[in-house]
Amino acid sequence: MTAPVALDPKVEQSCDFLQDVTKQVVTLATAVLTFTLTFLKDLATNATAESRVLITLAWIGLVVSTIFGLLVLLSMTGMLGRSGAILDIYSKPTRALSFLQLLFFVVSLGLALAFGATWESP
């Protein structure tokens, strides 16, 4: 078994920041999903067909964002677990997964806000 390699402090800090941001976006995505599902009965009673499509697409996007966030964390774990590998959070897979996580999250928030704007109160 090889001894663990000491990481450069800047590399370690950038990994920590990426991990923290990823976890925060996953937390926000699941919180928005949980909040909207909790109040579904209140929200759906006066929702139009278009509004229901918007909130459904927002839910799907939030779940996909969460999945991409988990894949980012798994990608980072894989980089750390490889012996002799250079830790690079700017690798194409990690960058792509992070970008997709944030893209789906932002688009889903926009869809949820559009749902709120089109929702008609009783």
N, C-alpha and C. Protein backbone atom coordinates (compact mmCIF):
# COMPACT_ATOMS: atom_id res chain seq x y z
N MET A 1 0.84 -1.17 0.00
CA MET A 1 0.00 0.00 0.00
C MET A 1 0.89 1.24 0.00
N THR A 2 0.57 2.19 -0.86
CA THR A 2 1.39 3.39 -0.95
C THR A 2 0.93 4.42 0.06
N ALA A 3 1.86 5.23 0.47
CA ALA A 3 1.55 6.30 1.43
C ALA A 3 0.79 7.40 0.72
N PRO A 4 -0.15 8.07 1.41
CA PRO A 4 -0.90 9.16 0.78
C PRO A 4 0.03 10.30 0.39
N VAL A 5 -0.25 10.88 -0.75
CA VAL A 5 0.54 11.99 -1.26
C VAL A 5 -0.02 13.29 -0.69
N ALA A 6 0.84 14.15 -0.21
CA ALA A 6 0.41 15.45 0.31
C ALA A 6 0.02 16.34 -0.86
N LEU A 7 -1.13 16.97 -0.74
CA LEU A 7 -1.62 17.85 -1.80
C LEU A 7 -1.11 19.27 -1.58
N ASP A 8 -0.93 19.97 -2.68
CA ASP A 8 -0.62 21.39 -2.62
C ASP A 8 -1.80 22.09 -1.93
N PRO A 9 -1.55 23.03 -1.02
CA PRO A 9 -2.65 23.68 -0.30
C PRO A 9 -3.67 24.35 -1.22
N LYS A 10 -3.22 24.94 -2.34
CA LYS A 10 -4.15 25.57 -3.27
C LYS A 10 -5.04 24.54 -3.95
N VAL A 11 -4.47 23.40 -4.30
CA VAL A 11 -5.25 22.33 -4.92
C VAL A 11 -6.27 21.78 -3.93
N GLU A 12 -5.82 21.60 -2.70
CA GLU A 12 -6.72 21.10 -1.66
C GLU A 12 -7.86 22.07 -1.40
N GLN A 13 -7.54 23.36 -1.37
CA GLN A 13 -8.56 24.37 -1.13
C GLN A 13 -9.55 24.44 -2.30
N SER A 14 -9.06 24.33 -3.52
CA SER A 14 -9.96 24.38 -4.67
C SER A 14 -10.88 23.16 -4.69
N CYS A 15 -10.37 22.01 -4.26
CA CYS A 15 -11.21 20.81 -4.15
C CYS A 15 -12.29 21.01 -3.09
N ASP A 16 -11.90 21.62 -1.97
CA ASP A 16 -12.87 21.88 -0.91
C ASP A 16 -13.96 22.83 -1.39
N PHE A 17 -13.57 23.88 -2.13
CA PHE A 17 -14.55 24.83 -2.63
C PHE A 17 -15.51 24.16 -3.61
N LEU A 18 -14.98 23.36 -4.53
CA LEU A 18 -15.83 22.66 -5.49
C LEU A 18 -16.80 21.73 -4.76
N GLN A 19 -16.30 21.02 -3.78
CA GLN A 19 -17.14 20.11 -3.02
C GLN A 19 -18.24 20.88 -2.28
N ASP A 20 -17.89 22.00 -1.66
CA ASP A 20 -18.87 22.80 -0.93
C ASP A 20 -19.94 23.37 -1.85
N VAL A 21 -19.53 23.93 -2.98
CA VAL A 21 -20.50 24.50 -3.92
C VAL A 21 -21.43 23.41 -4.44
N THR A 22 -20.87 22.28 -4.78
CA THR A 22 -21.67 21.18 -5.29
C THR A 22 -22.70 20.73 -4.26
N LYS A 23 -22.26 20.58 -3.01
CA LYS A 23 -23.19 20.15 -1.96
C LYS A 23 -24.26 21.21 -1.70
N GLN A 24 -23.90 22.49 -1.78
CA GLN A 24 -24.89 23.54 -1.55
C GLN A 24 -25.95 23.55 -2.66
N VAL A 25 -25.53 23.35 -3.90
CA VAL A 25 -26.50 23.33 -5.00
C VAL A 25 -27.40 22.10 -4.89
N VAL A 26 -26.83 20.96 -4.50
CA VAL A 26 -27.64 19.76 -4.29
C VAL A 26 -28.66 20.02 -3.18
N THR A 27 -28.23 20.65 -2.10
CA THR A 27 -29.12 20.96 -0.99
C THR A 27 -30.23 21.91 -1.43
N LEU A 28 -29.89 22.95 -2.17
CA LEU A 28 -30.90 23.89 -2.64
C LEU A 28 -31.89 23.23 -3.60
N ALA A 29 -31.38 22.40 -4.50
CA ALA A 29 -32.25 21.72 -5.46
C ALA A 29 -33.24 20.80 -4.75
N THR A 30 -32.75 20.04 -3.78
CA THR A 30 -33.66 19.15 -3.06
C THR A 30 -34.62 19.94 -2.17
N ALA A 31 -34.17 21.08 -1.65
CA ALA A 31 -35.06 21.90 -0.82
C ALA A 31 -36.19 22.50 -1.66
N VAL A 32 -35.87 23.02 -2.83
CA VAL A 32 -36.91 23.57 -3.71
C VAL A 32 -37.87 22.46 -4.13
N LEU A 33 -37.34 21.31 -4.48
CA LEU A 33 -38.17 20.18 -4.86
C LEU A 33 -39.10 19.77 -3.71
N THR A 34 -38.55 19.66 -2.52
CA THR A 34 -39.34 19.28 -1.35
C THR A 34 -40.40 20.32 -1.03
N PHE A 35 -40.03 21.58 -1.09
CA PHE A 35 -40.96 22.66 -0.78
C PHE A 35 -42.14 22.67 -1.75
N THR A 36 -41.84 22.57 -3.04
CA THR A 36 -42.93 22.62 -4.02
C THR A 36 -43.79 21.36 -3.96
N LEU A 37 -43.19 20.22 -3.68
CA LEU A 37 -43.99 19.00 -3.54
C LEU A 37 -44.85 19.03 -2.28
N THR A 38 -44.33 19.64 -1.22
CA THR A 38 -45.08 19.74 0.03
C THR A 38 -46.36 20.55 -0.16
N PHE A 39 -46.25 21.62 -0.91
CA PHE A 39 -47.40 22.49 -1.12
C PHE A 39 -48.09 22.23 -2.46
N LEU A 40 -47.90 21.05 -3.01
CA LEU A 40 -48.50 20.69 -4.29
C LEU A 40 -50.01 20.82 -4.26
N LYS A 41 -50.63 20.36 -3.19
CA LYS A 41 -52.10 20.41 -3.10
C LYS A 41 -52.58 21.86 -3.21
N ASP A 42 -51.90 22.76 -2.51
CA ASP A 42 -52.29 24.17 -2.56
C ASP A 42 -51.96 24.81 -3.90
N LEU A 43 -50.84 24.41 -4.48
CA LEU A 43 -50.41 25.02 -5.74
C LEU A 43 -51.17 24.50 -6.95
N ALA A 44 -51.51 23.23 -6.94
CA ALA A 44 -52.09 22.61 -8.13
C ALA A 44 -53.58 22.85 -8.30
N THR A 45 -54.25 23.28 -7.24
CA THR A 45 -55.71 23.43 -7.35
C THR A 45 -56.11 24.49 -8.37
N ASN A 46 -55.35 25.54 -8.47
CA ASN A 46 -55.69 26.62 -9.41
C ASN A 46 -54.70 26.73 -10.56
N ALA A 47 -53.91 25.72 -10.75
CA ALA A 47 -52.89 25.78 -11.80
C ALA A 47 -53.50 25.45 -13.16
N THR A 48 -53.06 26.20 -14.16
CA THR A 48 -53.49 25.90 -15.53
C THR A 48 -52.66 24.73 -16.06
N ALA A 49 -53.03 24.23 -17.21
CA ALA A 49 -52.29 23.12 -17.82
C ALA A 49 -50.85 23.55 -18.11
N GLU A 50 -50.67 24.79 -18.57
CA GLU A 50 -49.32 25.29 -18.87
C GLU A 50 -48.49 25.38 -17.59
N SER A 51 -49.13 25.81 -16.51
CA SER A 51 -48.43 25.92 -15.23
C SER A 51 -47.98 24.55 -14.73
N ARG A 52 -48.82 23.56 -14.92
CA ARG A 52 -48.46 22.21 -14.48
C ARG A 52 -47.29 21.66 -15.28
N VAL A 53 -47.25 21.99 -16.56
CA VAL A 53 -46.10 21.57 -17.38
C VAL A 53 -44.83 22.24 -16.86
N LEU A 54 -44.91 23.52 -16.54
CA LEU A 54 -43.75 24.26 -16.04
C LEU A 54 -43.21 23.65 -14.75
N ILE A 55 -44.09 23.36 -13.80
CA ILE A 55 -43.62 22.85 -12.52
C ILE A 55 -43.11 21.41 -12.67
N THR A 56 -43.72 20.65 -13.56
CA THR A 56 -43.23 19.29 -13.81
C THR A 56 -41.84 19.32 -14.41
N LEU A 57 -41.61 20.20 -15.37
CA LEU A 57 -40.28 20.34 -15.97
C LEU A 57 -39.27 20.83 -14.93
N ALA A 58 -39.71 21.72 -14.04
CA ALA A 58 -38.82 22.21 -12.98
C ALA A 58 -38.42 21.06 -12.06
N TRP A 59 -39.38 20.20 -11.70
CA TRP A 59 -39.07 19.06 -10.84
C TRP A 59 -38.09 18.12 -11.50
N ILE A 60 -38.32 17.84 -12.76
CA ILE A 60 -37.41 16.94 -13.50
C ILE A 60 -36.01 17.55 -13.54
N GLY A 61 -35.93 18.85 -13.83
CA GLY A 61 -34.63 19.52 -13.88
C GLY A 61 -33.92 19.51 -12.54
N LEU A 62 -34.66 19.67 -11.45
CA LEU A 62 -34.05 19.66 -10.12
C LEU A 62 -33.51 18.27 -9.78
N VAL A 63 -34.23 17.24 -10.17
CA VAL A 63 -33.74 15.88 -9.93
C VAL A 63 -32.49 15.62 -10.76
N VAL A 64 -32.50 16.06 -12.03
CA VAL A 64 -31.33 15.87 -12.89
C VAL A 64 -30.14 16.66 -12.35
N SER A 65 -30.38 17.88 -11.86
CA SER A 65 -29.31 18.68 -11.26
C SER A 65 -28.70 17.97 -10.06
N THR A 66 -29.55 17.37 -9.24
CA THR A 66 -29.08 16.63 -8.08
C THR A 66 -28.23 15.44 -8.50
N ILE A 67 -28.66 14.74 -9.52
CA ILE A 67 -27.90 13.59 -10.02
C ILE A 67 -26.54 14.03 -10.53
N PHE A 68 -26.50 15.12 -11.29
CA PHE A 68 -25.21 15.63 -11.78
C PHE A 68 -24.32 16.06 -10.62
N GLY A 69 -24.90 16.64 -9.57
CA GLY A 69 -24.12 17.01 -8.40
C GLY A 69 -23.49 15.80 -7.73
N LEU A 70 -24.26 14.74 -7.62
CA LEU A 70 -23.71 13.51 -7.04
C LEU A 70 -22.60 12.94 -7.93
N LEU A 71 -22.78 13.06 -9.24
CA LEU A 71 -21.73 12.58 -10.15
C LEU A 71 -20.45 13.42 -10.02
N VAL A 72 -20.59 14.71 -9.77
CA VAL A 72 -19.41 15.56 -9.53
C VAL A 72 -18.66 15.06 -8.30
N LEU A 73 -19.40 14.81 -7.23
CA LEU A 73 -18.75 14.33 -6.00
C LEU A 73 -18.10 12.96 -6.21
N LEU A 74 -18.75 12.09 -6.97
CA LEU A 74 -18.16 10.79 -7.27
C LEU A 74 -16.92 10.94 -8.15
N SER A 75 -16.95 11.87 -9.08
CA SER A 75 -15.80 12.13 -9.94
C SER A 75 -14.61 12.60 -9.10
N MET A 76 -14.88 13.50 -8.16
CA MET A 76 -13.80 13.98 -7.28
C MET A 76 -13.25 12.84 -6.43
N THR A 77 -14.13 11.99 -5.94
CA THR A 77 -13.70 10.85 -5.14
C THR A 77 -12.83 9.92 -5.97
N GLY A 78 -13.22 9.72 -7.22
CA GLY A 78 -12.43 8.87 -8.11
C GLY A 78 -11.05 9.45 -8.37
N MET A 79 -10.97 10.77 -8.52
CA MET A 79 -9.67 11.40 -8.73
C MET A 79 -8.78 11.24 -7.50
N LEU A 80 -9.36 11.38 -6.33
CA LEU A 80 -8.58 11.25 -5.10
C LEU A 80 -8.16 9.81 -4.86
N GLY A 81 -8.97 8.87 -5.31
CA GLY A 81 -8.69 7.47 -5.04
C GLY A 81 -7.66 6.84 -5.94
N ARG A 82 -7.39 7.45 -7.10
CA ARG A 82 -6.41 6.87 -8.02
C ARG A 82 -5.01 7.14 -7.52
N SER A 83 -4.23 6.08 -7.44
CA SER A 83 -2.85 6.25 -6.97
C SER A 83 -2.01 6.83 -8.09
N GLY A 84 -1.23 7.82 -7.77
CA GLY A 84 -0.33 8.43 -8.72
C GLY A 84 -1.00 9.39 -9.69
N ALA A 85 -2.31 9.57 -9.57
CA ALA A 85 -3.01 10.47 -10.48
C ALA A 85 -2.89 11.90 -9.98
N ILE A 86 -2.88 12.82 -10.92
CA ILE A 86 -2.82 14.23 -10.59
C ILE A 86 -4.25 14.72 -10.34
N LEU A 87 -4.45 15.35 -9.23
CA LEU A 87 -5.77 15.87 -8.88
C LEU A 87 -6.02 17.14 -9.65
N ASP A 88 -7.04 17.13 -10.50
CA ASP A 88 -7.34 18.28 -11.35
C ASP A 88 -8.84 18.48 -11.39
N ILE A 89 -9.33 19.48 -10.68
CA ILE A 89 -10.77 19.73 -10.70
C ILE A 89 -11.21 20.38 -12.01
N TYR A 90 -10.25 20.77 -12.84
CA TYR A 90 -10.57 21.36 -14.13
C TYR A 90 -10.55 20.33 -15.25
N SER A 91 -10.54 19.06 -14.90
CA SER A 91 -10.58 18.02 -15.92
C SER A 91 -11.93 18.11 -16.64
N LYS A 92 -11.96 17.66 -17.88
CA LYS A 92 -13.18 17.78 -18.68
C LYS A 92 -14.39 17.12 -18.03
N PRO A 93 -14.27 15.90 -17.51
CA PRO A 93 -15.47 15.30 -16.90
C PRO A 93 -16.01 16.09 -15.71
N THR A 94 -15.13 16.54 -14.85
CA THR A 94 -15.57 17.28 -13.66
C THR A 94 -16.17 18.62 -14.06
N ARG A 95 -15.53 19.31 -14.99
CA ARG A 95 -16.07 20.60 -15.46
C ARG A 95 -17.42 20.43 -16.12
N ALA A 96 -17.54 19.40 -16.96
CA ALA A 96 -18.80 19.17 -17.67
C ALA A 96 -19.92 18.83 -16.70
N LEU A 97 -19.64 17.97 -15.74
CA LEU A 97 -20.66 17.60 -14.76
C LEU A 97 -21.08 18.79 -13.91
N SER A 98 -20.12 19.60 -13.50
CA SER A 98 -20.43 20.79 -12.70
C SER A 98 -21.26 21.78 -13.50
N PHE A 99 -20.88 21.98 -14.76
CA PHE A 99 -21.62 22.89 -15.62
C PHE A 99 -23.06 22.41 -15.79
N LEU A 100 -23.23 21.12 -16.05
CA LEU A 100 -24.58 20.58 -16.25
C LEU A 100 -25.41 20.67 -14.97
N GLN A 101 -24.77 20.45 -13.83
CA GLN A 101 -25.49 20.58 -12.56
C GLN A 101 -26.03 22.01 -12.41
N LEU A 102 -25.15 22.99 -12.62
CA LEU A 102 -25.57 24.39 -12.45
C LEU A 102 -26.57 24.81 -13.52
N LEU A 103 -26.39 24.34 -14.75
CA LEU A 103 -27.32 24.68 -15.82
C LEU A 103 -28.72 24.17 -15.51
N PHE A 104 -28.83 22.90 -15.14
CA PHE A 104 -30.15 22.34 -14.83
C PHE A 104 -30.76 23.03 -13.61
N PHE A 105 -29.94 23.38 -12.65
CA PHE A 105 -30.45 24.06 -11.46
C PHE A 105 -31.01 25.43 -11.81
N VAL A 106 -30.26 26.22 -12.56
CA VAL A 106 -30.71 27.58 -12.91
C VAL A 106 -31.95 27.54 -13.80
N VAL A 107 -31.95 26.65 -14.78
CA VAL A 107 -33.12 26.54 -15.67
C VAL A 107 -34.34 26.09 -14.87
N SER A 108 -34.15 25.16 -13.95
CA SER A 108 -35.26 24.68 -13.13
C SER A 108 -35.81 25.77 -12.22
N LEU A 109 -34.92 26.57 -11.67
CA LEU A 109 -35.39 27.71 -10.87
C LEU A 109 -36.20 28.68 -11.72
N GLY A 110 -35.74 28.92 -12.94
CA GLY A 110 -36.49 29.77 -13.85
C GLY A 110 -37.86 29.20 -14.16
N LEU A 111 -37.94 27.90 -14.37
CA LEU A 111 -39.23 27.26 -14.62
C LEU A 111 -40.14 27.35 -13.40
N ALA A 112 -39.58 27.17 -12.21
CA ALA A 112 -40.37 27.28 -10.98
C ALA A 112 -40.88 28.71 -10.80
N LEU A 113 -40.03 29.69 -11.11
CA LEU A 113 -40.47 31.09 -11.03
C LEU A 113 -41.54 31.39 -12.08
N ALA A 114 -41.40 30.84 -13.28
CA ALA A 114 -42.41 31.01 -14.32
C ALA A 114 -43.73 30.39 -13.88
N PHE A 115 -43.66 29.23 -13.20
CA PHE A 115 -44.86 28.62 -12.65
C PHE A 115 -45.52 29.58 -11.66
N GLY A 116 -44.73 30.15 -10.79
CA GLY A 116 -45.28 31.10 -9.81
C GLY A 116 -45.89 32.33 -10.47
N ALA A 117 -45.31 32.77 -11.57
CA ALA A 117 -45.83 33.94 -12.27
C ALA A 117 -47.13 33.64 -13.01
N THR A 118 -47.32 32.40 -13.46
CA THR A 118 -48.52 32.05 -14.22
C THR A 118 -49.62 31.47 -13.33
N TRP A 119 -49.27 31.19 -12.08
CA TRP A 119 -50.24 30.60 -11.16
C TRP A 119 -51.30 31.63 -10.80
N GLU A 120 -52.55 31.21 -10.81
CA GLU A 120 -53.65 32.12 -10.49
C GLU A 120 -54.15 31.82 -9.09
N SER A 121 -54.16 32.85 -8.24
CA SER A 121 -54.64 32.65 -6.87
C SER A 121 -56.16 32.56 -6.88
N PRO A 122 -56.72 31.87 -5.87
CA PRO A 122 -58.19 31.69 -5.85
C PRO A 122 -58.93 32.97 -5.60
